Amino acid sequence: MSKQSSRRSFLGHAAAGFSTLALSRLAQAQPTTEPPPRAAQIEHAVTEAVSVEVNARPIPNFEPRDRSRVRFGQLQYRSGLVLTSPYRGFGGLSGIRLDAKGERFLAISDQGGWFTGSIRYSGDTMIGLDGVEASPMLNSEGRPITEKRFWYDTESLARDGNVVYVGLERVNQILRFDFAKGGTRARGEVLPAPPAVRKLPSNKGLEAMVVVPKGQPLAGTLIAFSERGLDADGNLVAFLIGGPSPGQFSVRRTEKFDISDAVLLPSGELLILERKFSWFTGINIRIRSIPLKSIAPNAQVDGPALFAADLGHEVDNMEGIDAHVTPEGETVLTLVSDDNFSMLQRTLLLQFTLVE
């Protein structure tokens, strides 16, 4: 049996152990009061950016059981990479934003750090990462945010030009960074948010954010989604911050999926990346489509699933999603996984084409 098959068999038949060691949040573990892992503390003790070596192994097939298959729901598999690094702070990737070409990226680790670099392609296929740098997120005083207790669970990322927003799930705060003032050296300022944001569960709080651009309904609004903050009807709580119609709305929760990230397409289609964990089936991933025009204060929104995958596919704890449009007009989705700094998990970078 191959090493890859052995791993898949282990994960499939020992889901309980897998969850306990690596996906405790997905198994509804109680919120922890532990500080960030020691590795993250060491790596982020400095305030300067450092170059990071990142190795990439290709993932030729998204479904190893059927290597001829490339279509999965409304997505067509393009390429994927397994990323590893000798840098102790590499991992925990919980959000990613790409430039218009799908090359330069900004990513966050859930241990309060930035990663920047470029995706290297051969044609349409990702083959590696170049120029990767890591640096800590800085607070308003220019010090790493992790110096403040519990200010490390950075789970959500949104970008509006030079303005970058980061959501901290553990304390349910939002930081605003002006990248015109030093890029990842910019200092974060706390963004005023609705009081209900602070009442979200400390380990199921802010998990996804998008900024609505000009020309779209709700232009100028920061939309923030909770991972599993539930309203009285058991649906997922979300917020409209700033913009023309601030307020609160909900996303209909189905099949016990939680939100892990979101991206807004130029078409006005909001894609929500979701996941769930079962003791019997392991991790499940889903992408749902919601029309932006359906979102308004006090609304309950819903939409169809475009894509679903499980441990029979090349997935892990997928936490980040972004999109770019190629010169040929194809919409490409990029997904990244959070390995939780666990030997049982992987940092994956996957790309799909959205097809009608």
Protein backbone atom coordinates (compact mmCIF):
# COMPACT_ATOMS: atom_id res chain seq x y z
CA MET A 1 0.00 0.00 0.00
CA SER A 2 1.36 3.45 -0.91
CA LYS A 3 2.13 6.06 1.70
CA GLN A 4 -0.74 8.20 0.35
CA SER A 5 -3.19 5.29 0.50
CA SER A 6 -2.06 4.44 4.02
CA ARG A 7 -2.70 7.99 5.12
CA ARG A 8 -6.15 8.08 3.53
CA SER A 9 -7.07 4.73 5.09
CA PHE A 10 -5.90 5.90 8.48
CA LEU A 11 -7.90 9.11 8.27
CA GLY A 12 -10.98 7.33 7.03
CA HIS A 13 -11.00 4.59 9.67
CA ALA A 14 -9.67 6.53 12.63
CA ALA A 15 -11.69 9.69 12.35
CA ALA A 16 -12.11 9.96 16.08
CA GLY A 17 -8.38 10.08 16.67
CA PHE A 18 -7.94 12.43 13.75
CA SER A 19 -10.45 14.85 15.24
CA THR A 20 -9.06 14.70 18.74
CA LEU A 21 -5.50 15.38 17.64
CA ALA A 22 -6.02 17.73 14.75
CA LEU A 23 -9.56 19.04 14.26
CA SER A 24 -10.81 19.62 17.77
CA ARG A 25 -12.69 22.77 16.74
CA LEU A 26 -14.64 20.82 14.16
CA ALA A 27 -15.58 18.22 16.77
CA GLN A 28 -17.11 20.92 18.97
CA ALA A 29 -14.32 20.99 21.53
CA GLN A 30 -14.68 23.48 24.33
CA PRO A 31 -12.93 26.85 23.77
CA THR A 32 -9.38 26.64 25.04
CA THR A 33 -7.54 29.19 27.11
CA GLU A 34 -4.12 27.98 25.99
CA PRO A 35 -1.70 30.52 24.48
CA PRO A 36 -0.46 30.19 20.89
CA PRO A 37 1.80 27.20 20.15
CA ARG A 38 5.39 27.70 21.22
CA ALA A 39 6.55 27.56 17.59
CA ALA A 40 4.40 30.54 16.70
CA GLN A 41 5.62 32.47 19.73
CA ILE A 42 9.23 31.91 18.70
CA GLU A 43 8.75 32.72 15.03
CA HIS A 44 6.69 35.84 15.67
CA ALA A 45 8.81 37.22 18.51
CA VAL A 46 10.56 39.45 15.98
CA THR A 47 8.80 42.26 14.15
CA GLU A 48 10.65 42.05 10.82
CA ALA A 49 9.70 39.99 7.75
CA VAL A 50 11.77 36.87 7.10
CA SER A 51 12.22 34.83 3.94
CA VAL A 52 10.60 31.40 4.09
CA GLU A 53 11.50 28.31 2.10
CA VAL A 54 8.34 26.56 0.92
CA ASN A 55 8.44 23.22 -0.87
CA ALA A 56 5.61 22.13 -3.15
CA ARG A 57 4.52 18.66 -4.22
CA PRO A 58 1.95 18.45 -7.03
CA ILE A 59 -1.49 16.89 -6.61
CA PRO A 60 -2.22 15.54 -10.09
CA ASN A 61 -5.71 14.22 -9.30
CA PHE A 62 -8.35 15.62 -6.99
CA GLU A 63 -10.03 12.21 -6.68
CA PRO A 64 -7.39 9.46 -6.52
CA ARG A 65 -10.08 6.77 -6.83
CA ASP A 66 -10.96 8.01 -10.32
CA ARG A 67 -8.00 9.76 -11.93
CA SER A 68 -9.90 10.46 -15.12
CA ARG A 69 -12.44 12.64 -13.32
CA VAL A 70 -11.91 16.41 -13.41
CA ARG A 71 -15.47 17.73 -12.94
CA PHE A 72 -16.85 18.06 -9.42
CA GLY A 73 -20.24 19.73 -9.29
CA GLN A 74 -19.79 23.11 -10.94
CA LEU A 75 -16.02 23.09 -10.47
CA GLN A 76 -13.35 21.66 -12.74
CA TYR A 77 -10.06 20.73 -11.14
CA ARG A 78 -7.02 22.60 -12.45
CA SER A 79 -4.13 21.75 -10.12
CA GLY A 80 -3.06 21.47 -6.51
CA LEU A 81 -0.01 21.53 -4.28
CA VAL A 82 0.97 20.08 -0.91
CA LEU A 83 3.04 22.78 0.79
CA THR A 84 5.70 22.11 3.41
CA SER A 85 8.42 24.22 4.97
CA PRO A 86 11.28 23.91 7.44
CA TYR A 87 10.11 27.23 8.89
CA ARG A 88 8.49 26.39 12.21
CA GLY A 89 5.81 29.05 11.90
CA PHE A 90 4.55 27.92 8.49
CA GLY A 91 1.02 26.56 8.65
CA GLY A 92 -2.36 27.36 10.10
CA LEU A 93 -3.36 29.20 6.92
CA SER A 94 -6.89 30.46 7.41
CA GLY A 95 -7.35 33.07 4.69
CA ILE A 96 -5.89 34.06 1.33
CA ARG A 97 -6.32 36.95 -1.10
CA LEU A 98 -4.82 37.02 -4.60
CA ASP A 99 -4.09 39.78 -7.07
CA ALA A 100 -6.08 40.11 -10.31
CA LYS A 101 -3.72 37.70 -12.11
CA GLY A 102 -3.94 35.01 -9.43
CA GLU A 103 -0.20 35.28 -8.80
CA ARG A 104 0.72 37.51 -5.85
CA PHE A 105 -0.93 36.44 -2.61
CA LEU A 106 -1.52 37.68 0.89
CA ALA A 107 -2.34 34.96 3.43
CA ILE A 108 -2.84 34.86 7.17
CA SER A 109 -1.93 32.23 9.70
CA ASP A 110 -4.30 31.73 12.59
CA GLN A 111 -1.32 32.41 14.86
CA GLY A 112 -1.31 36.14 14.12
CA GLY A 113 1.04 36.20 11.12
CA TRP A 114 1.18 37.32 7.49
CA PHE A 115 2.52 35.34 4.57
CA THR A 116 3.19 36.95 1.20
CA GLY A 117 4.63 35.62 -2.03
CA SER A 118 3.75 34.50 -5.55
CA ILE A 119 2.28 31.35 -7.07
CA ARG A 120 4.44 29.99 -9.87
CA TYR A 121 2.65 28.46 -12.85
CA SER A 122 3.46 26.31 -15.83
CA GLY A 123 0.64 27.20 -18.16
CA ASP A 124 -2.52 26.82 -16.05
CA THR A 125 -0.86 24.50 -13.53
CA MET A 126 0.51 25.64 -10.18
CA ILE A 127 4.03 24.31 -9.64
CA GLY A 128 5.34 26.19 -6.63
CA LEU A 129 5.62 29.35 -4.56
CA ASP A 130 8.23 32.08 -4.97
CA GLY A 131 9.46 34.87 -2.73
CA VAL A 132 7.55 33.79 0.36
CA GLU A 133 7.97 36.00 3.41
CA ALA A 134 6.50 35.74 6.89
CA SER A 135 5.91 38.57 9.31
CA PRO A 136 3.84 39.12 12.45
CA MET A 137 0.72 41.27 12.46
CA LEU A 138 1.38 44.45 14.37
CA ASN A 139 -0.90 46.29 16.73
CA SER A 140 -1.37 50.06 16.92
CA GLU A 141 1.87 50.33 18.90
CA GLY A 142 3.92 48.44 16.33
CA ARG A 143 4.24 45.28 18.41
CA PRO A 144 3.05 41.75 17.45
CA ILE A 145 -0.64 41.38 18.23
CA THR A 146 0.12 38.04 19.92
CA GLU A 147 1.68 39.91 22.84
CA LYS A 148 -1.88 40.60 23.99
CA ARG A 149 -3.59 37.60 25.56
CA PHE A 150 -5.85 35.66 23.15
CA TRP A 151 -5.10 38.01 20.23
CA TYR A 152 -3.82 35.29 17.94
CA ASP A 153 -6.77 33.40 16.44
CA THR A 154 -6.74 35.37 13.18
CA GLU A 155 -9.27 33.51 11.06
CA SER A 156 -10.79 35.89 8.49
CA LEU A 157 -9.28 38.16 5.85
CA ALA A 158 -10.79 40.78 3.54
CA ARG A 159 -9.08 43.27 1.26
CA ASP A 160 -10.24 46.49 -0.36
CA GLY A 161 -7.27 47.87 -2.30
CA ASN A 162 -4.68 48.90 0.30
CA VAL A 163 -7.10 48.42 3.18
CA VAL A 164 -6.97 44.99 4.78
CA TYR A 165 -9.32 43.65 7.45
CA VAL A 166 -8.53 40.73 9.76
CA GLY A 167 -11.00 39.08 12.11
CA LEU A 168 -9.83 37.62 15.42
CA GLU A 169 -12.11 34.76 16.34
CA ARG A 170 -10.96 34.27 19.91
CA VAL A 171 -11.85 37.81 20.97
CA ASN A 172 -14.27 38.66 18.12
CA GLN A 173 -12.51 41.86 17.14
CA ILE A 174 -11.71 43.23 13.68
CA LEU A 175 -8.40 44.92 12.87
CA ARG A 176 -8.01 47.37 9.99
CA PHE A 177 -4.61 47.72 8.31
CA ASP A 178 -3.64 50.39 5.78
CA PHE A 179 -1.10 48.66 3.55
CA ALA A 180 -0.24 52.00 1.97
CA LYS A 181 1.67 52.56 5.22
CA GLY A 182 4.26 49.81 5.00
CA GLY A 183 2.43 46.76 3.65
CA THR A 184 2.58 43.97 6.21
CA ARG A 185 4.45 46.40 8.48
CA ALA A 186 1.24 48.44 8.77
CA ARG A 187 -0.21 48.81 12.22
CA GLY A 188 -3.65 47.41 12.95
CA GLU A 189 -6.39 49.56 14.41
CA VAL A 190 -9.50 48.09 16.01
CA LEU A 191 -12.53 48.62 13.78
CA PRO A 192 -15.75 49.54 15.61
CA ALA A 193 -18.21 46.67 15.16
CA PRO A 194 -21.78 45.95 16.23
CA PRO A 195 -22.05 44.88 19.90
CA ALA A 196 -23.48 41.53 18.78
CA VAL A 197 -20.13 40.65 17.21
CA ARG A 198 -18.51 40.62 20.64
CA LYS A 199 -21.20 38.20 21.85
CA LEU A 200 -20.34 35.50 19.31
CA PRO A 201 -18.91 32.22 20.67
CA SER A 202 -15.20 32.74 21.37
CA ASN A 203 -14.14 29.75 19.28
CA LYS A 204 -16.93 29.86 16.67
CA GLY A 205 -16.94 33.56 15.97
CA LEU A 206 -15.70 35.67 13.05
CA GLU A 207 -14.54 33.27 10.35
CA ALA A 208 -15.11 34.96 6.96
CA MET A 209 -15.20 38.51 5.63
CA VAL A 210 -15.61 40.21 2.25
CA VAL A 211 -15.71 43.85 1.18
CA VAL A 212 -18.37 44.83 -1.36
CA PRO A 213 -16.77 46.91 -4.16
CA LYS A 214 -18.19 49.85 -6.06
CA GLY A 215 -20.91 49.00 -8.54
CA GLN A 216 -22.40 46.20 -6.42
CA PRO A 217 -25.38 46.25 -4.07
CA LEU A 218 -24.20 47.23 -0.57
CA ALA A 219 -21.03 48.85 -2.00
CA GLY A 220 -18.60 49.82 0.74
CA THR A 221 -19.95 47.25 3.21
CA LEU A 222 -17.76 44.85 5.13
CA ILE A 223 -19.73 41.58 5.36
CA ALA A 224 -18.61 39.44 8.30
CA PHE A 225 -19.74 35.84 8.85
CA SER A 226 -19.56 33.80 12.01
CA GLU A 227 -18.35 30.23 11.90
CA ARG A 228 -21.15 28.95 14.13
CA GLY A 229 -22.76 31.86 15.87
CA LEU A 230 -26.42 30.85 15.73
CA ASP A 231 -29.61 32.86 15.88
CA ALA A 232 -32.82 31.73 17.60
CA ASP A 233 -33.70 29.57 14.58
CA GLY A 234 -30.34 27.83 14.47
CA ASN A 235 -29.05 29.73 11.44
CA LEU A 236 -25.60 31.29 11.03
CA VAL A 237 -25.27 34.91 12.12
CA ALA A 238 -23.61 37.46 9.83
CA PHE A 239 -23.14 41.23 9.90
CA LEU A 240 -23.22 44.20 7.52
CA ILE A 241 -20.63 46.65 8.85
CA GLY A 242 -20.55 50.15 7.42
CA GLY A 243 -21.93 50.80 3.95
CA PRO A 244 -25.44 52.01 3.12
CA SER A 245 -27.42 49.44 5.16
CA PRO A 246 -25.58 48.23 8.27
CA GLY A 247 -27.25 45.51 10.28
CA GLN A 248 -27.44 41.80 10.95
CA PHE A 249 -28.71 38.92 8.82
CA SER A 250 -28.48 35.14 8.81
CA VAL A 251 -27.37 32.37 6.50
CA ARG A 252 -29.57 29.28 6.55
CA ARG A 253 -27.61 26.44 8.13
CA THR A 254 -28.09 23.01 6.57
CA GLU A 255 -26.58 19.59 7.22
CA LYS A 256 -24.63 20.99 10.20
CA PHE A 257 -22.11 22.81 7.99
CA ASP A 258 -20.17 25.75 9.42
CA ILE A 259 -18.75 28.71 7.50
CA SER A 260 -15.00 28.86 6.98
CA ASP A 261 -14.55 31.60 4.35
CA ALA A 262 -16.25 33.54 1.57
CA VAL A 263 -15.46 35.32 -1.69
CA LEU A 264 -17.50 37.77 -3.76
CA LEU A 265 -17.37 37.28 -7.54
CA PRO A 266 -17.63 40.16 -10.04
CA SER A 267 -20.99 38.68 -11.09
CA GLY A 268 -22.45 39.53 -7.70
CA GLU A 269 -22.40 35.91 -6.62
CA LEU A 270 -21.21 35.32 -3.07
CA LEU A 271 -19.53 31.95 -2.59
CA ILE A 272 -19.37 30.56 0.92
CA LEU A 273 -16.85 27.86 1.78
CA GLU A 274 -18.25 25.52 4.42
CA ARG A 275 -17.07 22.47 6.33
CA LYS A 276 -18.28 19.97 8.87
CA PHE A 277 -16.77 17.12 10.84
CA SER A 278 -18.31 13.77 11.64
CA TRP A 279 -16.81 11.13 13.89
CA PHE A 280 -17.74 8.57 11.25
CA THR A 281 -17.00 10.29 7.92
CA GLY A 282 -14.31 12.79 8.84
CA ILE A 283 -14.11 16.16 7.13
CA ASN A 284 -16.64 17.35 4.55
CA ILE A 285 -16.26 20.47 2.39
CA ARG A 286 -18.94 22.41 0.52
CA ILE A 287 -19.18 25.62 -1.52
CA ARG A 288 -22.54 27.35 -1.60
CA SER A 289 -23.66 30.23 -3.83
CA ILE A 290 -25.73 33.14 -2.50
CA PRO A 291 -26.83 36.15 -4.56
CA LEU A 292 -25.46 39.35 -3.08
CA LYS A 293 -28.71 41.11 -3.93
CA SER A 294 -30.55 38.83 -1.47
CA ILE A 295 -28.54 40.12 1.49
CA ALA A 296 -30.11 42.86 3.60
CA PRO A 297 -30.60 43.64 7.30
CA ASN A 298 -32.79 41.00 8.98
CA ALA A 299 -32.81 38.78 5.87
CA GLN A 300 -32.32 35.04 5.93
CA VAL A 301 -30.34 33.98 2.86
CA ASP A 302 -29.75 30.62 1.26
CA GLY A 303 -28.39 29.18 -1.96
CA PRO A 304 -27.46 25.98 -3.79
CA ALA A 305 -24.33 23.94 -3.29
CA LEU A 306 -21.92 24.15 -6.23
CA PHE A 307 -19.34 21.70 -4.92
CA ALA A 308 -18.88 19.05 -2.24
CA ALA A 309 -15.95 16.86 -1.25
CA ASP A 310 -14.82 14.57 1.55
CA LEU A 311 -11.82 12.45 2.52
CA GLY A 312 -12.19 10.48 -0.70
CA HIS A 313 -10.83 13.62 -2.36
CA GLU A 314 -7.66 15.60 -1.85
CA VAL A 315 -9.01 17.86 0.88
CA ASP A 316 -8.05 18.78 4.39
CA ASN A 317 -9.28 21.46 6.77
CA MET A 318 -10.07 23.93 3.97
CA GLU A 319 -10.32 27.41 5.49
CA GLY A 320 -9.56 29.93 2.76
CA ILE A 321 -11.06 30.74 -0.64
CA ASP A 322 -10.46 33.46 -3.21
CA ALA A 323 -11.14 33.99 -6.92
CA HIS A 324 -9.59 35.64 -9.95
CA VAL A 325 -10.58 35.89 -13.61
CA THR A 326 -8.15 34.81 -16.34
CA PRO A 327 -7.59 36.77 -19.58
CA GLU A 328 -9.75 34.10 -21.24
CA GLY A 329 -12.63 34.97 -18.93
CA GLU A 330 -12.44 31.87 -16.72
CA THR A 331 -13.24 32.27 -13.03
CA VAL A 332 -10.61 30.41 -11.02
CA LEU A 333 -11.18 29.54 -7.35
CA THR A 334 -8.19 29.05 -5.06
CA LEU A 335 -8.61 27.15 -1.79
CA VAL A 336 -6.10 26.79 1.05
CA SER A 337 -6.15 24.54 4.11
CA ASP A 338 -5.24 25.07 7.74
CA ASP A 339 -3.07 22.18 8.95
CA ASN A 340 -3.45 23.20 12.61
CA PHE A 341 0.32 22.60 12.90
CA SER A 342 -0.48 18.89 13.07
CA MET A 343 1.52 16.04 11.59
CA LEU A 344 -1.77 14.40 10.60
CA GLN A 345 -2.83 17.28 8.39
CA ARG A 346 -1.52 19.06 5.32
CA THR A 347 -1.31 22.56 3.93
CA LEU A 348 -3.05 22.27 0.56
CA LEU A 349 -3.36 24.85 -2.21
CA LEU A 350 -6.06 23.86 -4.73
CA GLN A 351 -7.40 25.55 -7.84
CA PHE A 352 -10.62 24.95 -9.76
CA THR A 353 -12.38 26.58 -12.68
CA LEU A 354 -15.98 27.57 -12.06
CA VAL A 355 -18.09 26.13 -14.88
CA GLU A 356 -21.75 26.63 -15.71
